[in-house]
Amino acid sequence: PREAAEALATALGVEVRPGIAFEHEGEWHL
């Protein structure tokens, strides 16, 4: 998913903005 987001952002000429990480069922997600 990170690579897909970066590829889309590059094609659009913008940057990927990270949000606030959260924990769900013992795993962290950004």
Full PDB file with SEQRES, HELIX, SHEET, SSBOND, CRYST1, ORIGX, SCALE, CONECT and MASTER records, all heavy atoms in Angstrom:
SEQRES   1 A   30  PRO ARG GLU ALA ALA GLU ALA LEU ALA THR ALA LEU GLY          
SEQRES   2 A   30  VAL GLU VAL ARG PRO GLY ILE ALA PHE GLU HIS GLU GLY          
SEQRES   3 A   30  GLU TRP HIS LEU                                              
HELIX    1 AA1 ARG A    2  LEU A   12  1                                  11    
SHEET    1 AA1 2 PHE A  22  HIS A  24  0                                        
SHEET    2 AA1 2 GLU A  27  HIS A  29 -1                                        
CRYST1    1.000    1.000    1.000  90.00  90.00  90.00 P 1           1          
ORIGX1      1.000000  0.000000  0.000000        0.00000                         
ORIGX2      0.000000  1.000000  0.000000        0.00000                         
ORIGX3      0.000000  0.000000  1.000000        0.00000                         
SCALE1      1.000000  0.000000  0.000000        0.00000                         
SCALE2      0.000000  1.000000  0.000000        0.00000                         
SCALE3      0.000000  0.000000  1.000000        0.00000                         
ATOM      1  N   PRO A   1       0.809  -1.218   0.000  1.00  0.00           N  
ATOM      2  CA  PRO A   1       0.000   0.000   0.000  1.00  0.00           C  
ATOM      3  C   PRO A   1       0.846   1.274   0.000  1.00  0.00           C  
ATOM      4  O   PRO A   1       0.474   2.269  -0.625  1.00  0.00           O  
ATOM      5  CB  PRO A   1      -0.840  -0.112   1.260  1.00  0.00           C  
ATOM      6  CG  PRO A   1      -0.091  -1.047   2.140  1.00  0.00           C  
ATOM      7  CD  PRO A   1       0.624  -1.994   1.214  1.00  0.00           C  
ATOM      8  N   ARG A   2       1.992   1.271   0.663  1.00  0.00           N  
ATOM      9  CA  ARG A   2       2.847   2.465   0.683  1.00  0.00           C  
ATOM     10  C   ARG A   2       3.384   2.752  -0.715  1.00  0.00           C  
ATOM     11  O   ARG A   2       3.378   3.899  -1.174  1.00  0.00           O  
ATOM     12  CB  ARG A   2       4.003   2.286   1.663  1.00  0.00           C  
ATOM     13  CG  ARG A   2       4.854   3.549   1.807  1.00  0.00           C  
ATOM     14  CD  ARG A   2       6.066   3.329   2.710  1.00  0.00           C  
ATOM     15  NE  ARG A   2       5.739   2.867   4.038  1.00  0.00           N  
ATOM     16  CZ  ARG A   2       5.647   3.647   5.108  1.00  0.00           C  
ATOM     17  NH1 ARG A   2       5.861   4.943   4.998  1.00  0.00           N  
ATOM     18  NH2 ARG A   2       5.359   3.133   6.286  1.00  0.00           N  
ATOM     19  N   GLU A   3       3.825   1.708  -1.403  1.00  0.00           N  
ATOM     20  CA  GLU A   3       4.354   1.879  -2.760  1.00  0.00           C  
ATOM     21  C   GLU A   3       3.276   2.369  -3.718  1.00  0.00           C  
ATOM     22  O   GLU A   3       3.534   3.202  -4.582  1.00  0.00           O  
ATOM     23  CB  GLU A   3       4.967   0.568  -3.273  1.00  0.00           C  
ATOM     24  CG  GLU A   3       6.217   0.157  -2.538  1.00  0.00           C  
ATOM     25  CD  GLU A   3       5.965  -0.583  -1.217  1.00  0.00           C  
ATOM     26  OE1 GLU A   3       4.783  -0.719  -0.795  1.00  0.00           O  
ATOM     27  OE2 GLU A   3       6.957  -1.009  -0.595  1.00  0.00           O  
ATOM     28  N   ALA A   4       2.061   1.857  -3.554  1.00  0.00           N  
ATOM     29  CA  ALA A   4       0.951   2.312  -4.404  1.00  0.00           C  
ATOM     30  C   ALA A   4       0.660   3.787  -4.155  1.00  0.00           C  
ATOM     31  O   ALA A   4       0.459   4.558  -5.095  1.00  0.00           O  
ATOM     32  CB  ALA A   4      -0.293   1.465  -4.142  1.00  0.00           C  
ATOM     33  N   ALA A   5       0.669   4.199  -2.888  1.00  0.00           N  
ATOM     34  CA  ALA A   5       0.427   5.608  -2.557  1.00  0.00           C  
ATOM     35  C   ALA A   5       1.524   6.495  -3.139  1.00  0.00           C  
ATOM     36  O   ALA A   5       1.238   7.558  -3.706  1.00  0.00           O  
ATOM     37  CB  ALA A   5       0.345   5.785  -1.043  1.00  0.00           C  
ATOM     38  N   GLU A   6       2.764   6.068  -3.019  1.00  0.00           N  
ATOM     39  CA  GLU A   6       3.882   6.851  -3.560  1.00  0.00           C  
ATOM     40  C   GLU A   6       3.796   6.955  -5.081  1.00  0.00           C  
ATOM     41  O   GLU A   6       4.042   8.027  -5.645  1.00  0.00           O  
ATOM     42  CB  GLU A   6       5.219   6.230  -3.147  1.00  0.00           C  
ATOM     43  CG  GLU A   6       5.531   6.361  -1.678  1.00  0.00           C  
ATOM     44  CD  GLU A   6       5.844   7.786  -1.233  1.00  0.00           C  
ATOM     45  OE1 GLU A   6       6.119   8.659  -2.076  1.00  0.00           O  
ATOM     46  OE2 GLU A   6       5.802   8.020  -0.011  1.00  0.00           O  
ATOM     47  N   ALA A   7       3.452   5.854  -5.749  1.00  0.00           N  
ATOM     48  CA  ALA A   7       3.338   5.875  -7.218  1.00  0.00           C  
ATOM     49  C   ALA A   7       2.231   6.827  -7.663  1.00  0.00           C  
ATOM     50  O   ALA A   7       2.404   7.598  -8.616  1.00  0.00           O  
ATOM     51  CB  ALA A   7       3.083   4.466  -7.749  1.00  0.00           C  
ATOM     52  N   LEU A   8       1.099   6.788  -6.973  1.00  0.00           N  
ATOM     53  CA  LEU A   8      -0.011   7.686  -7.317  1.00  0.00           C  
ATOM     54  C   LEU A   8       0.388   9.135  -7.089  1.00  0.00           C  
ATOM     55  O   LEU A   8       0.162   9.996  -7.943  1.00  0.00           O  
ATOM     56  CB  LEU A   8      -1.252   7.335  -6.500  1.00  0.00           C  
ATOM     57  CG  LEU A   8      -2.460   8.230  -6.725  1.00  0.00           C  
ATOM     58  CD1 LEU A   8      -2.943   8.167  -8.171  1.00  0.00           C  
ATOM     59  CD2 LEU A   8      -3.583   7.836  -5.761  1.00  0.00           C  
ATOM     60  N   ALA A   9       0.994   9.411  -5.949  1.00  0.00           N  
ATOM     61  CA  ALA A   9       1.405  10.790  -5.638  1.00  0.00           C  
ATOM     62  C   ALA A   9       2.413  11.300  -6.667  1.00  0.00           C  
ATOM     63  O   ALA A   9       2.315  12.451  -7.110  1.00  0.00           O  
ATOM     64  CB  ALA A   9       1.998  10.858  -4.238  1.00  0.00           C  
ATOM     65  N   THR A  10       3.361  10.464  -7.042  1.00  0.00           N  
ATOM     66  CA  THR A  10       4.358  10.867  -8.043  1.00  0.00           C  
ATOM     67  C   THR A  10       3.681  11.190  -9.374  1.00  0.00           C  
ATOM     68  O   THR A  10       3.990  12.206  -9.999  1.00  0.00           O  
ATOM     69  CB  THR A  10       5.406   9.758  -8.221  1.00  0.00           C  
ATOM     70  OG1 THR A  10       6.083   9.568  -6.969  1.00  0.00           O  
ATOM     71  CG2 THR A  10       6.414  10.111  -9.300  1.00  0.00           C  
ATOM     72  N   ALA A  11       2.743  10.349  -9.790  1.00  0.00           N  
ATOM     73  CA  ALA A  11       2.033  10.589 -11.055  1.00  0.00           C  
ATOM     74  C   ALA A  11       1.239  11.887 -11.014  1.00  0.00           C  
ATOM     75  O   ALA A  11       1.113  12.582 -12.025  1.00  0.00           O  
ATOM     76  CB  ALA A  11       1.110   9.413 -11.368  1.00  0.00           C  
ATOM     77  N   LEU A  12       0.728  12.227  -9.836  1.00  0.00           N  
ATOM     78  CA  LEU A  12      -0.067  13.450  -9.691  1.00  0.00           C  
ATOM     79  C   LEU A  12       0.785  14.681  -9.394  1.00  0.00           C  
ATOM     80  O   LEU A  12       0.284  15.804  -9.395  1.00  0.00           O  
ATOM     81  CB  LEU A  12      -1.090  13.271  -8.562  1.00  0.00           C  
ATOM     82  CG  LEU A  12      -2.185  12.251  -8.826  1.00  0.00           C  
ATOM     83  CD1 LEU A  12      -2.940  11.943  -7.539  1.00  0.00           C  
ATOM     84  CD2 LEU A  12      -3.129  12.741  -9.911  1.00  0.00           C  
ATOM     85  N   GLY A  13       2.070  14.471  -9.102  1.00  0.00           N  
ATOM     86  CA  GLY A  13       2.953  15.595  -8.801  1.00  0.00           C  
ATOM     87  C   GLY A  13       2.725  16.187  -7.424  1.00  0.00           C  
ATOM     88  O   GLY A  13       2.935  17.381  -7.216  1.00  0.00           O  
ATOM     89  N   VAL A  14       2.287  15.353  -6.475  1.00  0.00           N  
ATOM     90  CA  VAL A  14       2.055  15.811  -5.110  1.00  0.00           C  
ATOM     91  C   VAL A  14       2.788  14.873  -4.152  1.00  0.00           C  
ATOM     92  O   VAL A  14       3.370  13.882  -4.557  1.00  0.00           O  
ATOM     93  CB  VAL A  14       0.548  15.859  -4.773  1.00  0.00           C  
ATOM     94  CG1 VAL A  14      -0.177  16.850  -5.680  1.00  0.00           C  
ATOM     95  CG2 VAL A  14      -0.095  14.479  -4.864  1.00  0.00           C  
ATOM     96  N   GLU A  15       2.711  15.190  -2.876  1.00  0.00           N  
ATOM     97  CA  GLU A  15       3.355  14.359  -1.866  1.00  0.00           C  
ATOM     98  C   GLU A  15       2.315  13.568  -1.081  1.00  0.00           C  
ATOM     99  O   GLU A  15       1.163  13.974  -0.971  1.00  0.00           O  
ATOM    100  CB  GLU A  15       4.159  15.230  -0.900  1.00  0.00           C  
ATOM    101  CG  GLU A  15       5.347  15.900  -1.562  1.00  0.00           C  
ATOM    102  CD  GLU A  15       6.203  16.657  -0.573  1.00  0.00           C  
ATOM    103  OE1 GLU A  15       6.038  16.470   0.651  1.00  0.00           O  
ATOM    104  OE2 GLU A  15       7.050  17.420  -1.031  1.00  0.00           O  
ATOM    105  N   VAL A  16       2.766  12.461  -0.527  1.00  0.00           N  
ATOM    106  CA  VAL A  16       1.943  11.678   0.381  1.00  0.00           C  
ATOM    107  C   VAL A  16       2.047  12.314   1.763  1.00  0.00           C  
ATOM    108  O   VAL A  16       3.136  12.631   2.224  1.00  0.00           O  
ATOM    109  CB  VAL A  16       2.428  10.212   0.450  1.00  0.00           C  
ATOM    110  CG1 VAL A  16       1.634   9.425   1.483  1.00  0.00           C  
ATOM    111  CG2 VAL A  16       2.339   9.550  -0.915  1.00  0.00           C  
ATOM    112  N   ARG A  17       0.900  12.546   2.411  1.00  0.00           N  
ATOM    113  CA  ARG A  17       0.886  13.100   3.767  1.00  0.00           C  
ATOM    114  C   ARG A  17       0.550  11.994   4.749  1.00  0.00           C  
ATOM    115  O   ARG A  17      -0.488  11.333   4.614  1.00  0.00           O  
ATOM    116  CB  ARG A  17      -0.177  14.189   3.894  1.00  0.00           C  
ATOM    117  CG  ARG A  17       0.130  15.468   3.167  1.00  0.00           C  
ATOM    118  CD  ARG A  17      -0.906  16.567   3.452  1.00  0.00           C  
ATOM    119  NE  ARG A  17      -2.292  16.156   3.193  1.00  0.00           N  
ATOM    120  CZ  ARG A  17      -3.195  15.893   4.131  1.00  0.00           C  
ATOM    121  NH1 ARG A  17      -2.917  15.975   5.394  1.00  0.00           N  
ATOM    122  NH2 ARG A  17      -4.428  15.546   3.789  1.00  0.00           N  
ATOM    123  N   PRO A  18       1.405  11.781   5.747  1.00  0.00           N  
ATOM    124  CA  PRO A  18       1.068  10.776   6.758  1.00  0.00           C  
ATOM    125  C   PRO A  18       0.057  11.328   7.751  1.00  0.00           C  
ATOM    126  O   PRO A  18       0.048  12.515   8.060  1.00  0.00           O  
ATOM    127  CB  PRO A  18       2.407  10.496   7.443  1.00  0.00           C  
ATOM    128  CG  PRO A  18       3.197  11.754   7.241  1.00  0.00           C  
ATOM    129  CD  PRO A  18       2.736  12.338   5.933  1.00  0.00           C  
ATOM    130  N   GLY A  19      -0.798  10.460   8.223  1.00  0.00           N  
ATOM    131  CA  GLY A  19      -1.756  10.831   9.254  1.00  0.00           C  
ATOM    132  C   GLY A  19      -1.208  10.447  10.625  1.00  0.00           C  
ATOM    133  O   GLY A  19       0.005  10.308  10.803  1.00  0.00           O  
ATOM    134  N   ILE A  20      -2.080  10.248  11.564  1.00  0.00           N  
ATOM    135  CA  ILE A  20      -1.703   9.867  12.923  1.00  0.00           C  
ATOM    136  C   ILE A  20      -1.823   8.351  13.045  1.00  0.00           C  
ATOM    137  O   ILE A  20      -2.887   7.778  12.765  1.00  0.00           O  
ATOM    138  CB  ILE A  20      -2.598  10.568  13.955  1.00  0.00           C  
ATOM    139  CG1 ILE A  20      -2.410  12.085  13.855  1.00  0.00           C  
ATOM    140  CG2 ILE A  20      -2.296  10.079  15.364  1.00  0.00           C  
ATOM    141  CD1 ILE A  20      -3.383  12.884  14.682  1.00  0.00           C  
ATOM    142  N   ALA A  21      -0.734   7.721  13.452  1.00  0.00           N  
ATOM    143  CA  ALA A  21      -0.730   6.265  13.596  1.00  0.00           C  
ATOM    144  C   ALA A  21      -1.709   5.832  14.683  1.00  0.00           C  
ATOM    145  O   ALA A  21      -1.961   6.563  15.643  1.00  0.00           O  
ATOM    146  CB  ALA A  21       0.675   5.777  13.920  1.00  0.00           C  
ATOM    147  N   PHE A  22      -2.271   4.651  14.509  1.00  0.00           N  
ATOM    148  CA  PHE A  22      -3.200   4.113  15.492  1.00  0.00           C  
ATOM    149  C   PHE A  22      -2.954   2.609  15.642  1.00  0.00           C  
ATOM    150  O   PHE A  22      -2.409   1.964  14.755  1.00  0.00           O  
ATOM    151  CB  PHE A  22      -4.650   4.388  15.084  1.00  0.00           C  
ATOM    152  CG  PHE A  22      -5.052   3.734  13.787  1.00  0.00           C  
ATOM    153  CD1 PHE A  22      -5.660   2.495  13.778  1.00  0.00           C  
ATOM    154  CD2 PHE A  22      -4.809   4.378  12.578  1.00  0.00           C  
ATOM    155  CE1 PHE A  22      -6.033   1.896  12.575  1.00  0.00           C  
ATOM    156  CE2 PHE A  22      -5.175   3.791  11.374  1.00  0.00           C  
ATOM    157  CZ  PHE A  22      -5.788   2.540  11.376  1.00  0.00           C  
ATOM    158  N   GLU A  23      -3.363   2.109  16.776  1.00  0.00           N  
ATOM    159  CA  GLU A  23      -3.201   0.676  17.055  1.00  0.00           C  
ATOM    160  C   GLU A  23      -4.553  -0.006  16.926  1.00  0.00           C  
ATOM    161  O   GLU A  23      -5.579   0.498  17.397  1.00  0.00           O  
ATOM    162  CB  GLU A  23      -2.649   0.477  18.464  1.00  0.00           C  
ATOM    163  CG  GLU A  23      -2.295  -0.961  18.759  1.00  0.00           C  
ATOM    164  CD  GLU A  23      -1.672  -1.134  20.131  1.00  0.00           C  
ATOM    165  OE1 GLU A  23      -1.671  -0.171  20.922  1.00  0.00           O  
ATOM    166  OE2 GLU A  23      -1.217  -2.241  20.415  1.00  0.00           O  
ATOM    167  N   HIS A  24      -4.559  -1.134  16.236  1.00  0.00           N  
ATOM    168  CA  HIS A  24      -5.783  -1.909  16.049  1.00  0.00           C  
ATOM    169  C   HIS A  24      -5.429  -3.382  16.180  1.00  0.00           C  
ATOM    170  O   HIS A  24      -4.594  -3.884  15.428  1.00  0.00           O  
ATOM    171  CB  HIS A  24      -6.406  -1.612  14.684  1.00  0.00           C  
ATOM    172  CG  HIS A  24      -7.647  -2.402  14.408  1.00  0.00           C  
ATOM    173  ND1 HIS A  24      -8.825  -2.171  15.064  1.00  0.00           N  
ATOM    174  CD2 HIS A  24      -7.878  -3.421  13.562  1.00  0.00           C  
ATOM    175  CE1 HIS A  24      -9.741  -3.007  14.615  1.00  0.00           C  
ATOM    176  NE2 HIS A  24      -9.183  -3.779  13.712  1.00  0.00           N  
ATOM    177  N   GLU A  25      -6.050  -4.040  17.141  1.00  0.00           N  
ATOM    178  CA  GLU A  25      -5.827  -5.474  17.378  1.00  0.00           C  
ATOM    179  C   GLU A  25      -4.348  -5.808  17.514  1.00  0.00           C  
ATOM    180  O   GLU A  25      -3.848  -6.771  16.944  1.00  0.00           O  
ATOM    181  CB  GLU A  25      -6.491  -6.311  16.289  1.00  0.00           C  
ATOM    182  CG  GLU A  25      -8.001  -6.160  16.266  1.00  0.00           C  
ATOM    183  CD  GLU A  25      -8.684  -6.990  15.203  1.00  0.00           C  
ATOM    184  OE1 GLU A  25      -8.000  -7.682  14.411  1.00  0.00           O  
ATOM    185  OE2 GLU A  25      -9.919  -6.953  15.151  1.00  0.00           O  
ATOM    186  N   GLY A  26      -3.629  -4.959  18.254  1.00  0.00           N  
ATOM    187  CA  GLY A  26      -2.225  -5.210  18.543  1.00  0.00           C  
ATOM    188  C   GLY A  26      -1.252  -4.821  17.446  1.00  0.00           C  
ATOM    189  O   GLY A  26      -0.049  -5.018  17.589  1.00  0.00           O  
ATOM    190  N   GLU A  27      -1.738  -4.275  16.344  1.00  0.00           N  
ATOM    191  CA  GLU A  27      -0.868  -3.856  15.242  1.00  0.00           C  
ATOM    192  C   GLU A  27      -1.011  -2.355  15.036  1.00  0.00           C  
ATOM    193  O   GLU A  27      -2.096  -1.794  15.154  1.00  0.00           O  
ATOM    194  CB  GLU A  27      -1.235  -4.577  13.944  1.00  0.00           C  
ATOM    195  CG  GLU A  27      -0.947  -6.049  13.960  1.00  0.00           C  
ATOM    196  CD  GLU A  27      -1.224  -6.696  12.602  1.00  0.00           C  
ATOM    197  OE1 GLU A  27      -1.613  -5.978  11.655  1.00  0.00           O  
ATOM    198  OE2 GLU A  27      -1.060  -7.908  12.505  1.00  0.00           O  
ATOM    199  N   TRP A  28       0.107  -1.717  14.704  1.00  0.00           N  
ATOM    200  CA  TRP A  28       0.111  -0.282  14.422  1.00  0.00           C  
ATOM    201  C   TRP A  28      -0.107  -0.048  12.940  1.00  0.00           C  
ATOM    202  O   TRP A  28       0.433  -0.773  12.094  1.00  0.00           O  
ATOM    203  CB  TRP A  28       1.437   0.343  14.854  1.00  0.00           C  
ATOM    204  CG  TRP A  28       1.507   0.528  16.332  1.00  0.00           C  
ATOM    205  CD1 TRP A  28       2.063  -0.318  17.239  1.00  0.00           C  
ATOM    206  CD2 TRP A  28       0.984   1.629  17.065  1.00  0.00           C  
ATOM    207  NE1 TRP A  28       1.918   0.189  18.506  1.00  0.00           N  
ATOM    208  CE2 TRP A  28       1.260   1.388  18.431  1.00  0.00           C  
ATOM    209  CE3 TRP A  28       0.306   2.795  16.711  1.00  0.00           C  
ATOM    210  CZ2 TRP A  28       0.896   2.271  19.435  1.00  0.00           C  
ATOM    211  CZ3 TRP A  28      -0.063   3.673  17.709  1.00  0.00           C  
ATOM    212  CH2 TRP A  28       0.226   3.410  19.051  1.00  0.00           C  
ATOM    213  N   HIS A  29      -0.899   0.975  12.640  1.00  0.00           N  
ATOM    214  CA  HIS A  29      -1.201   1.348  11.251  1.00  0.00           C  
ATOM    215  C   HIS A  29      -0.987   2.846  11.089  1.00  0.00           C  
ATOM    216  O   HIS A  29      -1.304   3.628  11.989  1.00  0.00           O  
ATOM    217  CB  HIS A  29      -2.645   0.994  10.901  1.00  0.00           C  
ATOM    218  CG  HIS A  29      -2.938  -0.457  11.022  1.00  0.00           C  
ATOM    219  ND1 HIS A  29      -2.770  -1.333   9.985  1.00  0.00           N  
ATOM    220  CD2 HIS A  29      -3.357  -1.199  12.086  1.00  0.00           C  
ATOM    221  CE1 HIS A  29      -3.097  -2.546  10.390  1.00  0.00           C  
ATOM    222  NE2 HIS A  29      -3.444  -2.493  11.658  1.00  0.00           N  
ATOM    223  N   LEU A  30      -0.472   3.223   9.944  1.00  0.00           N  
ATOM    224  CA  LEU A  30      -0.258   4.628   9.625  1.00  0.00           C  
ATOM    225  C   LEU A  30      -1.102   4.980   8.406  1.00  0.00           C  
ATOM    226  O   LEU A  30      -0.892   4.415   7.327  1.00  0.00           O  
ATOM    227  CB  LEU A  30       1.218   4.898   9.322  1.00  0.00           C  
ATOM    228  CG  LEU A  30       1.583   6.334   8.947  1.00  0.00           C  
ATOM    229  CD1 LEU A  30       1.367   7.264  10.139  1.00  0.00           C  
ATOM    230  CD2 LEU A  30       3.026   6.402   8.467  1.00  0.00           C  
TER     231      LEU A  30                                                      
MASTER        0    0    0    1    2    0    0    6  230    1    0    3          
END                                                                             
